[in-house]
Amino acid sequence: MANSANGAASDGATTKKPPHGDIGRQTYEDVRKLVEQGMKKTEAFAKVAKESGRSANTVMTQYYRTAREQVDGGGVRRTARTARSAARSATRSANQQTDRLIHEAKTAIDALQAHIAELERDLERATQESRELEKIRRVLHKS
């Protein structure tokens, strides 16, 4: 599909460059549509590259990068390297969460121990005051 000087395609359609920042998404959509029509991905990459003036490798890179950003991964499997990296990241995150939870548990235990010690001191004071009151009662009842 050749373009004329005014941006109109020779078949009567106009080609429109996607807004800045949407090239990856547009590339993904263009390739996906061609694949849905039965074209192999490599052929679709080459066709989109030819129409956009980019290399097939650039189109392929944009397609897979955008596909991985999709909620479902765009139907693209992660490579072993990416999966390992994700697994390491997940493990690191889990370890950090475990460390944080352990720290919070220790802090809670320390606070509980301090509270128990305070309650024991209060109980000891109350017991001592009760003994003193009992002594005063005995003295008052003797008189």
C-alpha atoms as a PDB file:
ATOM      1  CA  MET A   1       0.000   0.000   0.000  1.00  0.00           C
ATOM      2  CA  ALA A   2       1.809   3.082  -1.240  1.00  0.00           C
ATOM      3  CA  ASN A   3       1.098   6.519   0.144  1.00  0.00           C
ATOM      4  CA  SER A   4       0.724   9.682  -1.882  1.00  0.00           C
ATOM      5  CA  ALA A   5       2.271  12.967  -0.832  1.00  0.00           C
ATOM      6  CA  ASN A   6      -0.902  14.027   1.040  1.00  0.00           C
ATOM      7  CA  GLY A   7      -0.965  10.890   3.226  1.00  0.00           C
ATOM      8  CA  ALA A   8      -3.694   9.104   1.302  1.00  0.00           C
ATOM      9  CA  ALA A   9      -3.081   5.465   0.527  1.00  0.00           C
ATOM     10  CA  SER A  10      -3.262   4.387  -3.111  1.00  0.00           C
ATOM     11  CA  ASP A  11      -6.329   2.268  -2.317  1.00  0.00           C
ATOM     12  CA  GLY A  12      -8.229   5.337  -1.137  1.00  0.00           C
ATOM     13  CA  ALA A  13      -7.668   4.813   2.605  1.00  0.00           C
ATOM     14  CA  THR A  14      -5.647   7.252   4.642  1.00  0.00           C
ATOM     15  CA  THR A  15      -2.830   6.094   6.863  1.00  0.00           C
ATOM     16  CA  LYS A  16      -2.719   7.779  10.199  1.00  0.00           C
ATOM     17  CA  LYS A  17       0.199   7.727  12.582  1.00  0.00           C
ATOM     18  CA  PRO A  18      -0.918   6.793  16.119  1.00  0.00           C
ATOM     19  CA  PRO A  19      -0.579   9.466  18.822  1.00  0.00           C
ATOM     20  CA  HIS A  20       2.769   9.628  20.595  1.00  0.00           C
ATOM     21  CA  GLY A  21       3.025   6.798  23.136  1.00  0.00           C
ATOM     22  CA  ASP A  22       0.471   4.612  21.353  1.00  0.00           C
ATOM     23  CA  ILE A  23       2.813   3.137  18.748  1.00  0.00           C
ATOM     24  CA  GLY A  24       3.381  -0.031  20.775  1.00  0.00           C
ATOM     25  CA  ARG A  25      -0.336  -0.581  21.295  1.00  0.00           C
ATOM     26  CA  GLN A  26      -1.088   0.153  17.618  1.00  0.00           C
ATOM     27  CA  THR A  27       1.675  -2.227  16.533  1.00  0.00           C
ATOM     28  CA  TYR A  28       0.276  -4.921  18.853  1.00  0.00           C
ATOM     29  CA  GLU A  29      -3.245  -4.437  17.458  1.00  0.00           C
ATOM     30  CA  ASP A  30      -2.058  -4.436  13.828  1.00  0.00           C
ATOM     31  CA  VAL A  31      -0.088  -7.668  14.274  1.00  0.00           C
ATOM     32  CA  ARG A  32      -2.877  -9.307  16.270  1.00  0.00           C
ATOM     33  CA  LYS A  33      -5.438  -8.540  13.550  1.00  0.00           C
ATOM     34  CA  LEU A  34      -3.205 -10.012  10.855  1.00  0.00           C
ATOM     35  CA  VAL A  35      -2.600 -13.148  12.928  1.00  0.00           C
ATOM     36  CA  GLU A  36      -6.348 -13.506  13.536  1.00  0.00           C
ATOM     37  CA  GLN A  37      -6.786 -13.426   9.749  1.00  0.00           C
ATOM     38  CA  GLY A  38      -4.512 -16.460   9.525  1.00  0.00           C
ATOM     39  CA  MET A  39      -1.133 -14.862   8.907  1.00  0.00           C
ATOM     40  CA  LYS A  40       1.926 -16.202  10.748  1.00  0.00           C
ATOM     41  CA  LYS A  41       3.422 -13.811  13.275  1.00  0.00           C
ATOM     42  CA  THR A  42       6.708 -13.485  11.371  1.00  0.00           C
ATOM     43  CA  GLU A  43       4.773 -12.551   8.232  1.00  0.00           C
ATOM     44  CA  ALA A  44       2.639 -10.103  10.203  1.00  0.00           C
ATOM     45  CA  PHE A  45       5.757  -8.507  11.715  1.00  0.00           C
ATOM     46  CA  ALA A  46       7.241  -8.105   8.230  1.00  0.00           C
ATOM     47  CA  LYS A  47       4.025  -6.621   6.806  1.00  0.00           C
ATOM     48  CA  VAL A  48       3.556  -4.121   9.643  1.00  0.00           C
ATOM     49  CA  ALA A  49       7.246  -3.230   9.409  1.00  0.00           C
ATOM     50  CA  LYS A  50       6.992  -2.578   5.675  1.00  0.00           C
ATOM     51  CA  GLU A  51       3.856  -0.450   6.097  1.00  0.00           C
ATOM     52  CA  SER A  52       5.295   1.564   8.977  1.00  0.00           C
ATOM     53  CA  GLY A  53       8.852   1.955   7.710  1.00  0.00           C
ATOM     54  CA  ARG A  54      10.328   0.150  10.712  1.00  0.00           C
ATOM     55  CA  SER A  55      12.319  -3.051  10.889  1.00  0.00           C
ATOM     56  CA  ALA A  56      10.592  -6.373  11.527  1.00  0.00           C
ATOM     57  CA  ASN A  57      12.688  -6.759  14.711  1.00  0.00           C
ATOM     58  CA  THR A  58      11.434  -3.408  16.015  1.00  0.00           C
ATOM     59  CA  VAL A  59       7.837  -4.410  15.294  1.00  0.00           C
ATOM     60  CA  MET A  60       8.374  -7.784  16.955  1.00  0.00           C
ATOM     61  CA  THR A  61       9.932  -6.150  20.039  1.00  0.00           C
ATOM     62  CA  GLN A  62       7.056  -3.672  20.353  1.00  0.00           C
ATOM     63  CA  TYR A  63       4.490  -6.432  19.858  1.00  0.00           C
ATOM     64  CA  TYR A  64       5.898  -8.692  22.597  1.00  0.00           C
ATOM     65  CA  ARG A  65       6.574  -5.823  25.013  1.00  0.00           C
ATOM     66  CA  THR A  66       2.982  -4.621  24.661  1.00  0.00           C
ATOM     67  CA  ALA A  67       1.616  -8.185  24.822  1.00  0.00           C
ATOM     68  CA  ARG A  68       3.362  -8.804  28.141  1.00  0.00           C
ATOM     69  CA  GLU A  69       1.780  -5.638  29.535  1.00  0.00           C
ATOM     70  CA  GLN A  70      -1.715  -7.026  28.896  1.00  0.00           C
ATOM     71  CA  VAL A  71      -3.680  -8.357  31.870  1.00  0.00           C
ATOM     72  CA  ASP A  72      -3.575 -11.898  30.486  1.00  0.00           C
ATOM     73  CA  GLY A  73      -0.076 -11.530  29.055  1.00  0.00           C
ATOM     74  CA  GLY A  74      -1.520 -11.142  25.568  1.00  0.00           C
ATOM     75  CA  GLY A  75      -1.264 -14.872  25.023  1.00  0.00           C
ATOM     76  CA  VAL A  76       2.525 -14.612  25.114  1.00  0.00           C
ATOM     77  CA  ARG A  77       4.465 -17.112  27.185  1.00  0.00           C
ATOM     78  CA  ARG A  78       7.222 -15.789  29.327  1.00  0.00           C
ATOM     79  CA  THR A  79      10.714 -16.848  28.412  1.00  0.00           C
ATOM     80  CA  ALA A  80      12.626 -18.976  30.880  1.00  0.00           C
ATOM     81  CA  ARG A  81      14.838 -15.996  31.707  1.00  0.00           C
ATOM     82  CA  THR A  82      11.840 -13.761  32.339  1.00  0.00           C
ATOM     83  CA  ALA A  83      10.127 -16.469  34.362  1.00  0.00           C
ATOM     84  CA  ARG A  84      13.280 -16.996  36.462  1.00  0.00           C
ATOM     85  CA  SER A  85      13.573 -13.266  37.000  1.00  0.00           C
ATOM     86  CA  ALA A  86       9.908 -13.090  38.023  1.00  0.00           C
ATOM     87  CA  ALA A  87      10.409 -16.057  40.358  1.00  0.00           C
ATOM     88  CA  ARG A  88      13.445 -14.390  41.970  1.00  0.00           C
ATOM     89  CA  SER A  89      11.498 -11.175  42.345  1.00  0.00           C
ATOM     90  CA  ALA A  90       8.538 -13.022  43.877  1.00  0.00           C
ATOM     91  CA  THR A  91      10.866 -14.888  46.254  1.00  0.00           C
ATOM     92  CA  ARG A  92      12.590 -11.643  47.256  1.00  0.00           C
ATOM     93  CA  SER A  93       9.218 -10.011  47.836  1.00  0.00           C
ATOM     94  CA  ALA A  94       7.993 -12.991  49.871  1.00  0.00           C
ATOM     95  CA  ASN A  95      11.196 -12.946  51.945  1.00  0.00           C
ATOM     96  CA  GLN A  96      10.812  -9.224  52.585  1.00  0.00           C
ATOM     97  CA  GLN A  97       7.204  -9.752  53.615  1.00  0.00           C
ATOM     98  CA  THR A  98       8.230 -12.620  55.911  1.00  0.00           C
ATOM     99  CA  ASP A  99      10.940 -10.470  57.486  1.00  0.00           C
ATOM    100  CA  ARG A 100       8.456  -7.632  57.977  1.00  0.00           C
ATOM    101  CA  LEU A 101       5.902  -9.969  59.569  1.00  0.00           C
ATOM    102  CA  ILE A 102       8.545 -11.462  61.877  1.00  0.00           C
ATOM    103  CA  HIS A 103       9.604  -7.956  62.922  1.00  0.00           C
ATOM    104  CA  GLU A 104       5.968  -6.987  63.573  1.00  0.00           C
ATOM    105  CA  ALA A 105       5.416 -10.192  65.571  1.00  0.00           C
ATOM    106  CA  LYS A 106       8.520  -9.537  67.688  1.00  0.00           C
ATOM    107  CA  THR A 107       7.373  -5.964  68.302  1.00  0.00           C
ATOM    108  CA  ALA A 108       3.916  -7.206  69.329  1.00  0.00           C
ATOM    109  CA  ILE A 109       5.442  -9.836  71.653  1.00  0.00           C
ATOM    110  CA  ASP A 110       7.687  -7.215  73.254  1.00  0.00           C
ATOM    111  CA  ALA A 111       4.701  -4.911  73.762  1.00  0.00           C
ATOM    112  CA  LEU A 112       2.688  -7.790  75.246  1.00  0.00           C
ATOM    113  CA  GLN A 113       5.518  -8.684  77.631  1.00  0.00           C
ATOM    114  CA  ALA A 114       5.790  -5.045  78.746  1.00  0.00           C
ATOM    115  CA  HIS A 115       2.026  -4.917  79.292  1.00  0.00           C
ATOM    116  CA  ILE A 116       2.086  -8.146  81.326  1.00  0.00           C
ATOM    117  CA  ALA A 117       4.942  -6.789  83.474  1.00  0.00           C
ATOM    118  CA  GLU A 118       2.924  -3.609  84.090  1.00  0.00           C
ATOM    119  CA  LEU A 119      -0.150  -5.660  85.028  1.00  0.00           C
ATOM    120  CA  GLU A 120       1.970  -7.727  87.439  1.00  0.00           C
ATOM    121  CA  ARG A 121       3.291  -4.529  89.062  1.00  0.00           C
ATOM    122  CA  ASP A 122      -0.288  -3.211  89.347  1.00  0.00           C
ATOM    123  CA  LEU A 123      -1.398  -6.498  90.887  1.00  0.00           C
ATOM    124  CA  GLU A 124       1.472  -6.413  93.361  1.00  0.00           C
ATOM    125  CA  ARG A 125       0.576  -2.805  94.344  1.00  0.00           C
ATOM    126  CA  ALA A 126      -3.111  -3.726  94.676  1.00  0.00           C
ATOM    127  CA  THR A 127      -2.213  -6.770  96.799  1.00  0.00           C
ATOM    128  CA  GLN A 128       0.029  -4.654  99.022  1.00  0.00           C
ATOM    129  CA  GLU A 129      -2.681  -1.982  99.402  1.00  0.00           C
ATOM    130  CA  SER A 130      -5.228  -4.694 100.209  1.00  0.00           C
ATOM    131  CA  ARG A 131      -2.948  -6.026 102.971  1.00  0.00           C
ATOM    132  CA  GLU A 132      -2.510  -2.538 104.402  1.00  0.00           C
ATOM    133  CA  LEU A 133      -6.278  -1.926 104.336  1.00  0.00           C
ATOM    134  CA  GLU A 134      -6.839  -5.249 106.073  1.00  0.00           C
ATOM    135  CA  LYS A 135      -4.375  -4.185 108.806  1.00  0.00           C
ATOM    136  CA  ILE A 136      -6.231  -0.898 109.224  1.00  0.00           C
ATOM    137  CA  ARG A 137      -9.582  -2.738 109.485  1.00  0.00           C
ATOM    138  CA  ARG A 138      -8.195  -5.035 112.155  1.00  0.00           C
ATOM    139  CA  VAL A 139      -6.898  -2.098 114.137  1.00  0.00           C
ATOM    140  CA  LEU A 140     -10.225  -0.268 113.823  1.00  0.00           C
ATOM    141  CA  HIS A 141     -12.229  -3.328 114.877  1.00  0.00           C
ATOM    142  CA  LYS A 142     -10.092  -3.864 117.959  1.00  0.00           C
ATOM    143  CA  SER A 143     -10.916  -0.491 119.323  1.00  0.00           C
END
